[in-house]
Amino acid sequence: MRHIFIISILLLILSCNQSKKEIESTSQHFQFEISAILKGSPVEIYDHLTGDISPWWDHTFSDKPLKLYIEAKPGGGFYEIFDESGDGIRHAVVTGAQRGKLLRMEGPLGLAGHALTLVTTYNLTMEQDSTLLEVQVHGSGEFEEEWPDLIKSVWRHFIIDRFKPYWEQNFNQ
């Protein structure tokens, strides 16, 4: 009886090893951080990084989305609504939200349709009369070699080239 048990275990191990050969797997990941110092309180800045972001976010799937917003609550989403019928896309799901402190989203953002997960975290901290905004991005999954640099340049565009001037022109009096 004991011999049958040992043979069964060996056959199981051999079959598992053969299954592993049939599945090809690679692990790729990257991370980066972008930061900006903005005059104003973390709560004020957070409120403009969330909600309706159409005044400063300029990469969309539709030419002119009806709505573009981040619903800043756990389980909420980063939505682009195309039209009155409700067609659209959820770019990411909000996994953490603390008004004025932290927003964390998981999703592929503009890379929908690829086996790629991006975890994007906004950290806001008060520094004298300004707020330090740190955007951390961690990516994992299937992606082309040039994507991490491209994704970083796009986030730099959103935070440094779009949000910061938008904030300074409209709310930094």
N, C-alpha and C. Protein backbone atom coordinates (compact mmCIF):
# COMPACT_ATOMS: atom_id res chain seq x y z
N MET A 1 0.82 -1.18 0.00
CA MET A 1 0.00 0.00 0.00
C MET A 1 0.87 1.26 0.00
N ARG A 2 1.92 1.21 0.82
CA ARG A 2 2.80 2.37 0.91
C ARG A 2 3.47 2.63 -0.43
N HIS A 3 3.83 1.59 -1.20
CA HIS A 3 4.47 1.75 -2.51
C HIS A 3 3.54 2.45 -3.49
N ILE A 4 2.27 2.13 -3.41
CA ILE A 4 1.29 2.76 -4.31
C ILE A 4 1.20 4.25 -4.01
N PHE A 5 1.21 4.60 -2.71
CA PHE A 5 1.15 6.01 -2.31
C PHE A 5 2.36 6.78 -2.83
N ILE A 6 3.56 6.21 -2.67
CA ILE A 6 4.80 6.86 -3.13
C ILE A 6 4.79 7.00 -4.65
N ILE A 7 4.36 6.00 -5.35
CA ILE A 7 4.29 6.06 -6.82
C ILE A 7 3.29 7.13 -7.25
N SER A 8 2.17 7.22 -6.56
CA SER A 8 1.15 8.23 -6.87
C SER A 8 1.72 9.64 -6.70
N ILE A 9 2.45 9.87 -5.62
CA ILE A 9 3.07 11.17 -5.37
C ILE A 9 4.08 11.49 -6.46
N LEU A 10 4.91 10.54 -6.84
CA LEU A 10 5.90 10.75 -7.89
C LEU A 10 5.23 11.07 -9.23
N LEU A 11 4.17 10.37 -9.55
CA LEU A 11 3.44 10.65 -10.80
C LEU A 11 2.82 12.05 -10.77
N LEU A 12 2.32 12.46 -9.62
CA LEU A 12 1.75 13.80 -9.47
C LEU A 12 2.83 14.86 -9.68
N ILE A 13 3.98 14.67 -9.08
CA ILE A 13 5.09 15.61 -9.25
C ILE A 13 5.52 15.67 -10.71
N LEU A 14 5.65 14.54 -11.36
CA LEU A 14 6.04 14.52 -12.77
C LEU A 14 5.00 15.21 -13.65
N SER A 15 3.72 14.99 -13.37
CA SER A 15 2.69 15.63 -14.19
C SER A 15 2.68 17.13 -13.96
N CYS A 16 2.95 17.61 -12.75
CA CYS A 16 3.03 19.04 -12.47
C CYS A 16 4.20 19.65 -13.23
N ASN A 17 5.33 18.97 -13.24
CA ASN A 17 6.49 19.48 -13.97
C ASN A 17 6.21 19.57 -15.46
N GLN A 18 5.50 18.59 -16.00
CA GLN A 18 5.17 18.64 -17.42
C GLN A 18 4.21 19.79 -17.71
N SER A 19 3.26 20.05 -16.82
CA SER A 19 2.32 21.16 -17.01
C SER A 19 3.06 22.49 -17.02
N LYS A 20 4.06 22.63 -16.17
CA LYS A 20 4.82 23.88 -16.12
C LYS A 20 5.52 24.16 -17.44
N LYS A 21 5.94 23.12 -18.13
CA LYS A 21 6.62 23.30 -19.40
C LYS A 21 5.65 23.80 -20.47
N GLU A 22 4.38 23.51 -20.35
CA GLU A 22 3.38 23.92 -21.32
C GLU A 22 2.96 25.37 -21.15
N ILE A 23 3.20 25.96 -19.99
CA ILE A 23 2.82 27.33 -19.70
C ILE A 23 4.07 28.20 -19.72
N GLU A 24 4.04 29.21 -20.57
CA GLU A 24 5.16 30.14 -20.63
C GLU A 24 4.81 31.34 -19.77
N SER A 25 5.72 31.72 -18.91
CA SER A 25 5.45 32.81 -17.99
C SER A 25 6.66 33.71 -17.87
N THR A 26 6.41 35.00 -17.88
CA THR A 26 7.47 35.97 -17.62
C THR A 26 6.93 36.99 -16.62
N SER A 27 7.80 37.59 -15.90
CA SER A 27 7.41 38.61 -14.93
C SER A 27 8.13 39.90 -15.28
N GLN A 28 7.36 40.92 -15.55
CA GLN A 28 7.93 42.22 -15.84
C GLN A 28 7.28 43.24 -14.91
N HIS A 29 8.06 44.16 -14.45
CA HIS A 29 7.52 45.23 -13.62
C HIS A 29 8.38 46.48 -13.74
N PHE A 30 7.80 47.61 -13.36
CA PHE A 30 8.52 48.87 -13.34
C PHE A 30 7.86 49.78 -12.31
N GLN A 31 8.58 50.82 -11.95
CA GLN A 31 8.02 51.82 -11.04
C GLN A 31 8.74 53.14 -11.25
N PHE A 32 8.02 54.22 -10.95
CA PHE A 32 8.61 55.55 -11.00
C PHE A 32 7.78 56.49 -10.15
N GLU A 33 8.31 57.67 -9.93
CA GLU A 33 7.62 58.69 -9.13
C GLU A 33 7.81 60.05 -9.79
N ILE A 34 6.76 60.83 -9.75
CA ILE A 34 6.80 62.21 -10.25
C ILE A 34 6.26 63.08 -9.12
N SER A 35 6.89 64.22 -8.89
CA SER A 35 6.40 65.08 -7.81
C SER A 35 6.33 66.53 -8.26
N ALA A 36 5.46 67.26 -7.59
CA ALA A 36 5.28 68.69 -7.85
C ALA A 36 4.93 69.38 -6.55
N ILE A 37 5.39 70.60 -6.40
CA ILE A 37 5.02 71.42 -5.25
C ILE A 37 4.02 72.45 -5.75
N LEU A 38 2.88 72.51 -5.07
CA LEU A 38 1.78 73.37 -5.48
C LEU A 38 1.34 74.22 -4.30
N LYS A 39 1.16 75.52 -4.53
CA LYS A 39 0.63 76.40 -3.47
C LYS A 39 -0.79 75.99 -3.18
N GLY A 40 -1.12 75.91 -1.90
CA GLY A 40 -2.47 75.55 -1.51
C GLY A 40 -2.48 74.35 -0.59
N SER A 41 -3.66 74.05 -0.08
CA SER A 41 -3.79 72.96 0.88
C SER A 41 -3.96 71.62 0.16
N PRO A 42 -3.58 70.54 0.82
CA PRO A 42 -3.77 69.22 0.23
C PRO A 42 -5.23 68.91 -0.12
N VAL A 43 -6.17 69.37 0.70
CA VAL A 43 -7.59 69.10 0.45
C VAL A 43 -8.03 69.82 -0.83
N GLU A 44 -7.65 71.08 -0.98
CA GLU A 44 -8.04 71.83 -2.20
C GLU A 44 -7.47 71.17 -3.45
N ILE A 45 -6.22 70.78 -3.39
CA ILE A 45 -5.57 70.17 -4.55
C ILE A 45 -6.17 68.80 -4.84
N TYR A 46 -6.40 68.01 -3.81
CA TYR A 46 -7.04 66.70 -3.96
C TYR A 46 -8.39 66.83 -4.67
N ASP A 47 -9.14 67.84 -4.27
CA ASP A 47 -10.47 68.03 -4.84
C ASP A 47 -10.42 68.35 -6.34
N HIS A 48 -9.31 68.87 -6.82
CA HIS A 48 -9.18 69.15 -8.26
C HIS A 48 -8.45 68.05 -9.02
N LEU A 49 -7.79 67.16 -8.29
CA LEU A 49 -7.21 65.97 -8.90
C LEU A 49 -8.27 64.89 -9.08
N THR A 50 -9.41 65.06 -8.41
CA THR A 50 -10.51 64.10 -8.46
C THR A 50 -11.77 64.83 -8.93
N GLY A 51 -12.87 64.11 -8.97
CA GLY A 51 -14.10 64.72 -9.50
C GLY A 51 -13.93 64.93 -11.01
N ASP A 52 -14.45 66.04 -11.50
CA ASP A 52 -14.35 66.36 -12.93
C ASP A 52 -12.92 66.77 -13.26
N ILE A 53 -12.21 65.94 -14.01
CA ILE A 53 -10.82 66.26 -14.36
C ILE A 53 -10.68 66.69 -15.82
N SER A 54 -11.81 66.91 -16.48
CA SER A 54 -11.76 67.28 -17.90
C SER A 54 -11.05 68.61 -18.18
N PRO A 55 -10.99 69.57 -17.24
CA PRO A 55 -10.26 70.80 -17.56
C PRO A 55 -8.74 70.60 -17.76
N TRP A 56 -8.17 69.54 -17.19
CA TRP A 56 -6.72 69.39 -17.32
C TRP A 56 -6.28 68.04 -17.89
N TRP A 57 -7.10 67.03 -17.91
CA TRP A 57 -6.73 65.72 -18.44
C TRP A 57 -7.04 65.70 -19.93
N ASP A 58 -6.06 65.44 -20.75
CA ASP A 58 -6.26 65.58 -22.19
C ASP A 58 -6.03 64.32 -23.02
N HIS A 59 -5.95 63.16 -22.41
CA HIS A 59 -5.82 61.90 -23.17
C HIS A 59 -7.10 61.11 -22.95
N THR A 60 -7.88 60.92 -24.00
CA THR A 60 -9.15 60.22 -23.89
C THR A 60 -9.32 59.28 -25.07
N PHE A 61 -10.23 58.32 -24.90
CA PHE A 61 -10.55 57.40 -25.99
C PHE A 61 -11.48 58.06 -27.01
N SER A 62 -12.39 58.88 -26.53
CA SER A 62 -13.30 59.57 -27.44
C SER A 62 -12.76 60.97 -27.70
N ASP A 63 -13.13 61.53 -28.85
CA ASP A 63 -12.64 62.87 -29.19
C ASP A 63 -13.13 63.93 -28.21
N LYS A 64 -14.37 63.80 -27.79
CA LYS A 64 -14.95 64.78 -26.88
C LYS A 64 -15.86 64.05 -25.89
N PRO A 65 -15.29 63.53 -24.80
CA PRO A 65 -16.13 62.77 -23.86
C PRO A 65 -17.17 63.66 -23.19
N LEU A 66 -18.31 63.05 -22.90
CA LEU A 66 -19.37 63.76 -22.20
C LEU A 66 -18.94 64.05 -20.76
N LYS A 67 -18.30 63.06 -20.12
CA LYS A 67 -17.83 63.21 -18.74
C LYS A 67 -16.47 62.52 -18.60
N LEU A 68 -15.63 63.09 -17.79
CA LEU A 68 -14.32 62.51 -17.47
C LEU A 68 -14.08 62.82 -15.99
N TYR A 69 -14.15 61.79 -15.17
CA TYR A 69 -14.07 62.06 -13.72
C TYR A 69 -13.52 60.87 -12.94
N ILE A 70 -13.01 61.22 -11.77
CA ILE A 70 -12.54 60.22 -10.81
C ILE A 70 -13.45 60.28 -9.61
N GLU A 71 -14.10 59.16 -9.34
CA GLU A 71 -15.00 59.03 -8.19
C GLU A 71 -14.14 58.59 -7.01
N ALA A 72 -13.77 59.54 -6.16
CA ALA A 72 -12.77 59.32 -5.12
C ALA A 72 -13.35 58.66 -3.87
N LYS A 73 -13.63 57.37 -4.01
CA LYS A 73 -14.07 56.55 -2.87
C LYS A 73 -13.70 55.12 -3.19
N PRO A 74 -13.42 54.30 -2.17
CA PRO A 74 -13.08 52.91 -2.44
C PRO A 74 -14.18 52.23 -3.28
N GLY A 75 -13.76 51.60 -4.35
CA GLY A 75 -14.71 50.98 -5.27
C GLY A 75 -15.19 51.91 -6.36
N GLY A 76 -14.88 53.21 -6.23
CA GLY A 76 -15.22 54.17 -7.28
C GLY A 76 -14.34 53.94 -8.48
N GLY A 77 -14.42 54.81 -9.43
CA GLY A 77 -13.64 54.59 -10.63
C GLY A 77 -13.16 55.86 -11.28
N PHE A 78 -12.30 55.68 -12.24
CA PHE A 78 -11.85 56.74 -13.13
C PHE A 78 -12.61 56.46 -14.43
N TYR A 79 -13.61 57.30 -14.72
CA TYR A 79 -14.54 57.04 -15.81
C TYR A 79 -14.39 58.05 -16.95
N GLU A 80 -14.57 57.54 -18.15
CA GLU A 80 -14.72 58.37 -19.34
C GLU A 80 -16.04 57.95 -19.97
N ILE A 81 -17.03 58.83 -19.89
CA ILE A 81 -18.35 58.56 -20.46
C ILE A 81 -18.40 59.24 -21.82
N PHE A 82 -18.67 58.45 -22.86
CA PHE A 82 -18.62 58.95 -24.23
C PHE A 82 -19.83 59.80 -24.61
N ASP A 83 -21.03 59.36 -24.18
CA ASP A 83 -22.24 60.00 -24.70
C ASP A 83 -23.41 59.84 -23.72
N GLU A 84 -24.54 60.41 -24.10
CA GLU A 84 -25.76 60.38 -23.25
C GLU A 84 -26.27 58.97 -22.99
N SER A 85 -25.96 58.01 -23.87
CA SER A 85 -26.44 56.64 -23.66
C SER A 85 -25.67 55.92 -22.56
N GLY A 86 -24.57 56.52 -22.10
CA GLY A 86 -23.77 55.91 -21.03
C GLY A 86 -22.63 55.05 -21.52
N ASP A 87 -22.42 54.99 -22.85
CA ASP A 87 -21.26 54.26 -23.37
C ASP A 87 -19.99 54.90 -22.81
N GLY A 88 -18.98 54.08 -22.57
CA GLY A 88 -17.74 54.64 -22.05
C GLY A 88 -16.79 53.56 -21.59
N ILE A 89 -15.88 53.96 -20.73
CA ILE A 89 -14.86 53.05 -20.23
C ILE A 89 -14.49 53.44 -18.80
N ARG A 90 -14.17 52.43 -18.01
CA ARG A 90 -13.59 52.68 -16.68
C ARG A 90 -12.10 52.43 -16.82
N HIS A 91 -11.32 53.48 -16.71
CA HIS A 91 -9.87 53.38 -16.88
C HIS A 91 -9.20 52.71 -15.68
N ALA A 92 -9.78 52.89 -14.49
CA ALA A 92 -9.18 52.33 -13.27
C ALA A 92 -10.26 52.27 -12.20
N VAL A 93 -9.98 51.48 -11.18
CA VAL A 93 -10.86 51.42 -10.01
C VAL A 93 -10.11 52.02 -8.83
N VAL A 94 -10.81 52.80 -8.03
CA VAL A 94 -10.21 53.42 -6.85
C VAL A 94 -10.16 52.37 -5.74
N THR A 95 -8.95 52.12 -5.24
CA THR A 95 -8.78 51.13 -4.17
C THR A 95 -8.48 51.78 -2.83
N GLY A 96 -8.16 53.06 -2.84
CA GLY A 96 -7.91 53.77 -1.59
C GLY A 96 -8.16 55.25 -1.77
N ALA A 97 -8.84 55.86 -0.81
CA ALA A 97 -9.12 57.29 -0.89
C ALA A 97 -9.15 57.88 0.51
N GLN A 98 -8.33 58.90 0.72
CA GLN A 98 -8.34 59.69 1.96
C GLN A 98 -8.23 61.14 1.51
N ARG A 99 -9.33 61.84 1.55
CA ARG A 99 -9.38 63.21 1.04
C ARG A 99 -8.24 64.04 1.62
N GLY A 100 -7.48 64.66 0.71
CA GLY A 100 -6.37 65.51 1.11
C GLY A 100 -5.09 64.77 1.43
N LYS A 101 -5.12 63.45 1.37
CA LYS A 101 -3.92 62.67 1.72
C LYS A 101 -3.51 61.67 0.65
N LEU A 102 -4.46 60.86 0.19
CA LEU A 102 -4.08 59.73 -0.66
C LEU A 102 -5.22 59.36 -1.61
N LEU A 103 -4.84 59.04 -2.83
CA LEU A 103 -5.75 58.42 -3.78
C LEU A 103 -4.97 57.31 -4.46
N ARG A 104 -5.54 56.10 -4.46
CA ARG A 104 -4.88 54.97 -5.13
C ARG A 104 -5.87 54.34 -6.10
N MET A 105 -5.37 54.11 -7.32
CA MET A 105 -6.19 53.50 -8.37
C MET A 105 -5.44 52.33 -8.98
N GLU A 106 -6.19 51.32 -9.40
CA GLU A 106 -5.62 50.18 -10.12
C GLU A 106 -6.33 50.05 -11.45
N GLY A 107 -5.57 49.92 -12.50
CA GLY A 107 -6.15 49.73 -13.82
C GLY A 107 -5.15 50.08 -14.89
N PRO A 108 -5.46 49.73 -16.12
CA PRO A 108 -4.51 49.95 -17.21
C PRO A 108 -4.54 51.36 -17.76
N LEU A 109 -5.47 52.19 -17.28
CA LEU A 109 -5.66 53.55 -17.81
C LEU A 109 -5.78 53.49 -19.33
N GLY A 110 -4.94 54.18 -20.08
CA GLY A 110 -5.07 54.21 -21.53
C GLY A 110 -4.63 52.95 -22.24
N LEU A 111 -4.18 51.96 -21.50
CA LEU A 111 -3.69 50.72 -22.11
C LEU A 111 -4.68 49.58 -21.94
N ALA A 112 -5.96 49.91 -21.91
CA ALA A 112 -7.00 48.89 -21.78
C ALA A 112 -6.87 47.87 -22.90
N GLY A 113 -7.10 46.63 -22.56
CA GLY A 113 -7.00 45.56 -23.54
C GLY A 113 -5.69 44.82 -23.48
N HIS A 114 -4.78 45.30 -22.65
CA HIS A 114 -3.49 44.63 -22.45
C HIS A 114 -3.47 44.01 -21.06
N ALA A 115 -2.71 42.95 -20.89
CA ALA A 115 -2.58 42.29 -19.59
C ALA A 115 -1.56 43.05 -18.76
N LEU A 116 -1.90 44.29 -18.43
CA LEU A 116 -1.03 45.19 -17.69
C LEU A 116 -1.83 45.82 -16.56
N THR A 117 -1.28 45.80 -15.38
CA THR A 117 -1.91 46.47 -14.25
C THR A 117 -1.01 47.61 -13.81
N LEU A 118 -1.61 48.77 -13.67
CA LEU A 118 -0.91 49.93 -13.12
C LEU A 118 -1.55 50.26 -11.77
N VAL A 119 -0.73 50.45 -10.78
CA VAL A 119 -1.20 50.93 -9.48
C VAL A 119 -0.63 52.34 -9.35
N THR A 120 -1.53 53.31 -9.34
CA THR A 120 -1.14 54.71 -9.31
C THR A 120 -1.58 55.30 -7.98
N THR A 121 -0.66 55.93 -7.27
CA THR A 121 -0.95 56.49 -5.96
C THR A 121 -0.59 57.97 -5.95
N TYR A 122 -1.55 58.80 -5.55
CA TYR A 122 -1.30 60.21 -5.29
C TYR A 122 -1.12 60.35 -3.78
N ASN A 123 0.03 60.85 -3.35
CA ASN A 123 0.26 61.19 -1.94
C ASN A 123 0.37 62.69 -1.86
N LEU A 124 -0.37 63.31 -0.94
CA LEU A 124 -0.34 64.75 -0.75
C LEU A 124 0.06 65.05 0.69
N THR A 125 1.07 65.90 0.86
CA THR A 125 1.50 66.30 2.20
C THR A 125 1.73 67.80 2.23
N MET A 126 1.38 68.40 3.35
CA MET A 126 1.55 69.84 3.53
C MET A 126 3.01 70.13 3.84
N GLU A 127 3.55 71.13 3.16
CA GLU A 127 4.92 71.60 3.39
C GLU A 127 4.88 73.11 3.45
N GLN A 128 4.85 73.67 4.66
CA GLN A 128 4.70 75.10 4.91
C GLN A 128 3.41 75.60 4.27
N ASP A 129 3.46 76.45 3.25
CA ASP A 129 2.24 76.98 2.64
C ASP A 129 1.90 76.27 1.33
N SER A 130 2.54 75.15 1.07
CA SER A 130 2.36 74.42 -0.18
C SER A 130 2.07 72.95 0.08
N THR A 131 1.71 72.27 -0.99
CA THR A 131 1.45 70.83 -0.92
C THR A 131 2.43 70.11 -1.83
N LEU A 132 3.03 69.08 -1.29
CA LEU A 132 3.87 68.20 -2.10
C LEU A 132 2.97 67.10 -2.63
N LEU A 133 2.86 67.03 -3.95
CA LEU A 133 2.11 65.98 -4.62
C LEU A 133 3.11 64.99 -5.18
N GLU A 134 3.05 63.76 -4.71
CA GLU A 134 3.90 62.69 -5.22
C GLU A 134 2.99 61.67 -5.90
N VAL A 135 3.29 61.40 -7.15
CA VAL A 135 2.55 60.40 -7.91
C VAL A 135 3.47 59.21 -8.11
N GLN A 136 3.10 58.08 -7.53
CA GLN A 136 3.88 56.84 -7.65
C GLN A 136 3.13 55.89 -8.57
N VAL A 137 3.84 55.32 -9.52
CA VAL A 137 3.24 54.38 -10.46
C VAL A 137 4.04 53.09 -10.41
N HIS A 138 3.33 51.99 -10.19
CA HIS A 138 3.91 50.65 -10.23
C HIS A 138 3.17 49.89 -11.33
N GLY A 139 3.92 49.32 -12.26
CA GLY A 139 3.32 48.57 -13.35
C GLY A 139 3.82 47.15 -13.36
N SER A 140 2.92 46.24 -13.74
CA SER A 140 3.28 44.84 -13.79
C SER A 140 2.43 44.15 -14.85
N GLY A 141 3.06 43.20 -15.55
CA GLY A 141 2.31 42.42 -16.53
C GLY A 141 3.02 42.39 -17.86
N GLU A 142 2.20 42.29 -18.90
CA GLU A 142 2.69 42.21 -20.27
C GLU A 142 2.85 43.62 -20.84
N PHE A 143 4.05 43.95 -21.25
CA PHE A 143 4.24 45.25 -21.88
C PHE A 143 5.51 45.24 -22.71
N GLU A 144 5.53 46.16 -23.65
CA GLU A 144 6.68 46.31 -24.53
C GLU A 144 7.81 47.03 -23.77
N GLU A 145 9.03 46.83 -24.20
CA GLU A 145 10.21 47.38 -23.53
C GLU A 145 10.15 48.89 -23.37
N GLU A 146 9.60 49.59 -24.36
CA GLU A 146 9.59 51.05 -24.32
C GLU A 146 8.43 51.63 -23.50
N TRP A 147 7.46 50.81 -23.09
CA TRP A 147 6.29 51.32 -22.40
C TRP A 147 6.60 52.03 -21.08
N PRO A 148 7.46 51.52 -20.20
CA PRO A 148 7.70 52.24 -18.94
C PRO A 148 8.14 53.69 -19.15
N ASP A 149 9.04 53.94 -20.08
CA ASP A 149 9.46 55.32 -20.34
C ASP A 149 8.32 56.14 -20.92
N LEU A 150 7.54 55.54 -21.79
CA LEU A 150 6.40 56.23 -22.39
C LEU A 150 5.36 56.56 -21.32
N ILE A 151 5.05 55.60 -20.46
CA ILE A 151 4.06 55.82 -19.39
C ILE A 151 4.55 56.91 -18.44
N LYS A 152 5.83 56.90 -18.12
CA LYS A 152 6.37 57.96 -17.25
C LYS A 152 6.25 59.32 -17.91
N SER A 153 6.55 59.41 -19.20
CA SER A 153 6.45 60.70 -19.89
C SER A 153 5.00 61.18 -19.95
N VAL A 154 4.06 60.26 -20.09
CA VAL A 154 2.65 60.65 -20.10
C VAL A 154 2.22 61.15 -18.72
N TRP A 155 2.65 60.48 -17.65
CA TRP A 155 2.31 60.97 -16.30
C TRP A 155 2.98 62.31 -16.03
N ARG A 156 4.20 62.49 -16.49
CA ARG A 156 4.86 63.79 -16.35
C ARG A 156 4.04 64.86 -17.06
N HIS A 157 3.55 64.52 -18.25
CA HIS A 157 2.70 65.44 -19.00
C HIS A 157 1.45 65.82 -18.18
N PHE A 158 0.77 64.81 -17.61
CA PHE A 158 -0.45 65.09 -16.85
C PHE A 158 -0.19 65.98 -15.64
N ILE A 159 0.83 65.65 -14.86
CA ILE A 159 1.06 66.35 -13.60
C ILE A 159 1.81 67.67 -13.80
N ILE A 160 2.92 67.63 -14.51
CA ILE A 160 3.78 68.83 -14.65
C ILE A 160 3.28 69.77 -15.75
N ASP A 161 2.93 69.21 -16.90
CA ASP A 161 2.54 70.06 -18.04
C ASP A 161 1.07 70.46 -18.04
N ARG A 162 0.21 69.68 -17.41
CA ARG A 162 -1.23 69.97 -17.46
C ARG A 162 -1.80 70.41 -16.11
N PHE A 163 -1.68 69.55 -15.07
CA PHE A 163 -2.33 69.89 -13.80
C PHE A 163 -1.68 71.09 -13.13
N LYS A 164 -0.37 71.11 -13.04
CA LYS A 164 0.31 72.21 -12.34
C LYS A 164 -0.03 73.57 -12.95
N PRO A 165 0.08 73.77 -14.29
CA PRO A 165 -0.32 75.06 -14.85
C PRO A 165 -1.81 75.35 -14.66
N TYR A 166 -2.65 74.33 -14.79
CA TYR A 166 -4.09 74.50 -14.56
C TYR A 166 -4.33 75.02 -13.14
N TRP A 167 -3.68 74.39 -12.17
CA TRP A 167 -3.83 74.80 -10.77
C TRP A 167 -3.31 76.23 -10.56
N GLU A 168 -2.13 76.51 -11.06
CA GLU A 168 -1.51 77.82 -10.85
C GLU A 168 -2.30 78.94 -11.52
N GLN A 169 -2.87 78.71 -12.68
CA GLN A 169 -3.65 79.74 -13.39
C GLN A 169 -5.00 79.99 -12.75
N ASN A 170 -5.62 78.95 -12.22
CA ASN A 170 -7.01 79.07 -11.76
C ASN A 170 -7.19 79.17 -10.26
N PHE A 171 -6.26 78.66 -9.47
CA PHE A 171 -6.52 78.59 -8.03
C PHE A 171 -5.39 79.11 -7.16
N ASN A 172 -4.34 79.58 -7.74
CA ASN A 172 -3.17 80.04 -6.99
C ASN A 172 -3.10 81.56 -7.02
N GLN A 173 -4.05 82.22 -6.33
CA GLN A 173 -4.06 83.68 -6.31
C GLN A 173 -3.25 84.22 -5.17
